[in-house]
PDB file of N, CA and C in Angstrom:
ATOM      1  N   MET A   1       4.623 -35.535  88.110  1.00  0.00           N
ATOM      2  CA  MET A   1       3.563 -36.104  87.269  1.00  0.00           C
ATOM      3  C   MET A   1       2.284 -35.270  87.405  1.00  0.00           C
ATOM      4  N   PRO A   2       1.845 -34.655  86.326  1.00  0.00           N
ATOM      5  CA  PRO A   2       0.658 -33.803  86.362  1.00  0.00           C
ATOM      6  C   PRO A   2      -0.609 -34.598  86.626  1.00  0.00           C
ATOM      7  N   LEU A   3      -1.643 -33.875  87.058  1.00  0.00           N
ATOM      8  CA  LEU A   3      -2.914 -34.526  87.351  1.00  0.00           C
ATOM      9  C   LEU A   3      -3.555 -35.088  86.091  1.00  0.00           C
ATOM     10  N   SER A   4      -3.333 -34.416  84.977  1.00  0.00           N
ATOM     11  CA  SER A   4      -3.922 -34.864  83.720  1.00  0.00           C
ATOM     12  C   SER A   4      -3.489 -36.297  83.414  1.00  0.00           C
ATOM     13  N   PHE A   5      -2.224 -36.587  83.674  1.00  0.00           N
ATOM     14  CA  PHE A   5      -1.704 -37.931  83.425  1.00  0.00           C
ATOM     15  C   PHE A   5      -2.376 -38.928  84.353  1.00  0.00           C
ATOM     16  N   ASN A   6      -2.602 -38.494  85.596  1.00  0.00           N
ATOM     17  CA  ASN A   6      -3.240 -39.365  86.575  1.00  0.00           C
ATOM     18  C   ASN A   6      -4.662 -39.692  86.140  1.00  0.00           C
ATOM     19  N   PHE A   7      -5.381 -38.665  85.681  1.00  0.00           N
ATOM     20  CA  PHE A   7      -6.763 -38.877  85.225  1.00  0.00           C
ATOM     21  C   PHE A   7      -6.781 -39.783  84.003  1.00  0.00           C
ATOM     22  N   PHE A   8      -5.781 -39.614  83.135  1.00  0.00           N
ATOM     23  CA  PHE A   8      -5.682 -40.440  81.939  1.00  0.00           C
ATOM     24  C   PHE A   8      -5.496 -41.904  82.321  1.00  0.00           C
ATOM     25  N   PHE A   9      -4.665 -42.135  83.326  1.00  0.00           N
ATOM     26  CA  PHE A   9      -4.415 -43.502  83.777  1.00  0.00           C
ATOM     27  C   PHE A   9      -5.673 -44.102  84.375  1.00  0.00           C
ATOM     28  N   THR A  10      -6.426 -43.267  85.125  1.00  0.00           N
ATOM     29  CA  THR A  10      -7.674 -43.736  85.729  1.00  0.00           C
ATOM     30  C   THR A  10      -8.667 -44.114  84.646  1.00  0.00           C
ATOM     31  N   TYR A  11      -8.759 -43.283  83.607  1.00  0.00           N
ATOM     32  CA  TYR A  11      -9.678 -43.557  82.496  1.00  0.00           C
ATOM     33  C   TYR A  11      -9.255 -44.830  81.776  1.00  0.00           C
ATOM     34  N   LEU A  12      -7.954 -45.009  81.630  1.00  0.00           N
ATOM     35  CA  LEU A  12      -7.437 -46.193  80.955  1.00  0.00           C
ATOM     36  C   LEU A  12      -7.802 -47.443  81.752  1.00  0.00           C
ATOM     37  N   GLU A  13      -7.664 -47.365  83.070  1.00  0.00           N
ATOM     38  CA  GLU A  13      -8.011 -48.507  83.918  1.00  0.00           C
ATOM     39  C   GLU A  13      -9.492 -48.825  83.802  1.00  0.00           C
ATOM     40  N   LEU A  14     -10.328 -47.777  83.794  1.00  0.00           N
ATOM     41  CA  LEU A  14     -11.770 -47.989  83.662  1.00  0.00           C
ATOM     42  C   LEU A  14     -12.097 -48.629  82.317  1.00  0.00           C
ATOM     43  N   ALA A  15     -11.366 -48.251  81.291  1.00  0.00           N
ATOM     44  CA  ALA A  15     -11.605 -48.803  79.965  1.00  0.00           C
ATOM     45  C   ALA A  15     -11.180 -50.281  79.904  1.00  0.00           C
ATOM     46  N   VAL A  16     -10.107 -50.605  80.626  1.00  0.00           N
ATOM     47  CA  VAL A  16      -9.602 -51.981  80.601  1.00  0.00           C
ATOM     48  C   VAL A  16     -10.415 -52.892  81.527  1.00  0.00           C
ATOM     49  N   PHE A  17     -10.625 -52.439  82.767  1.00  0.00           N
ATOM     50  CA  PHE A  17     -11.334 -53.267  83.739  1.00  0.00           C
ATOM     51  C   PHE A  17     -12.850 -53.143  83.595  1.00  0.00           C
ATOM     52  N   GLY A  18     -13.288 -52.118  82.853  1.00  0.00           N
ATOM     53  CA  GLY A  18     -14.718 -51.919  82.674  1.00  0.00           C
ATOM     54  C   GLY A  18     -15.170 -52.803  81.525  1.00  0.00           C
TER      55      GLY A  18
END
């Protein structure tokens, strides 16, 4: 799993929980 996917997931979490 590339880092880009990890960052995307982090951004998605911030968008949902933010």
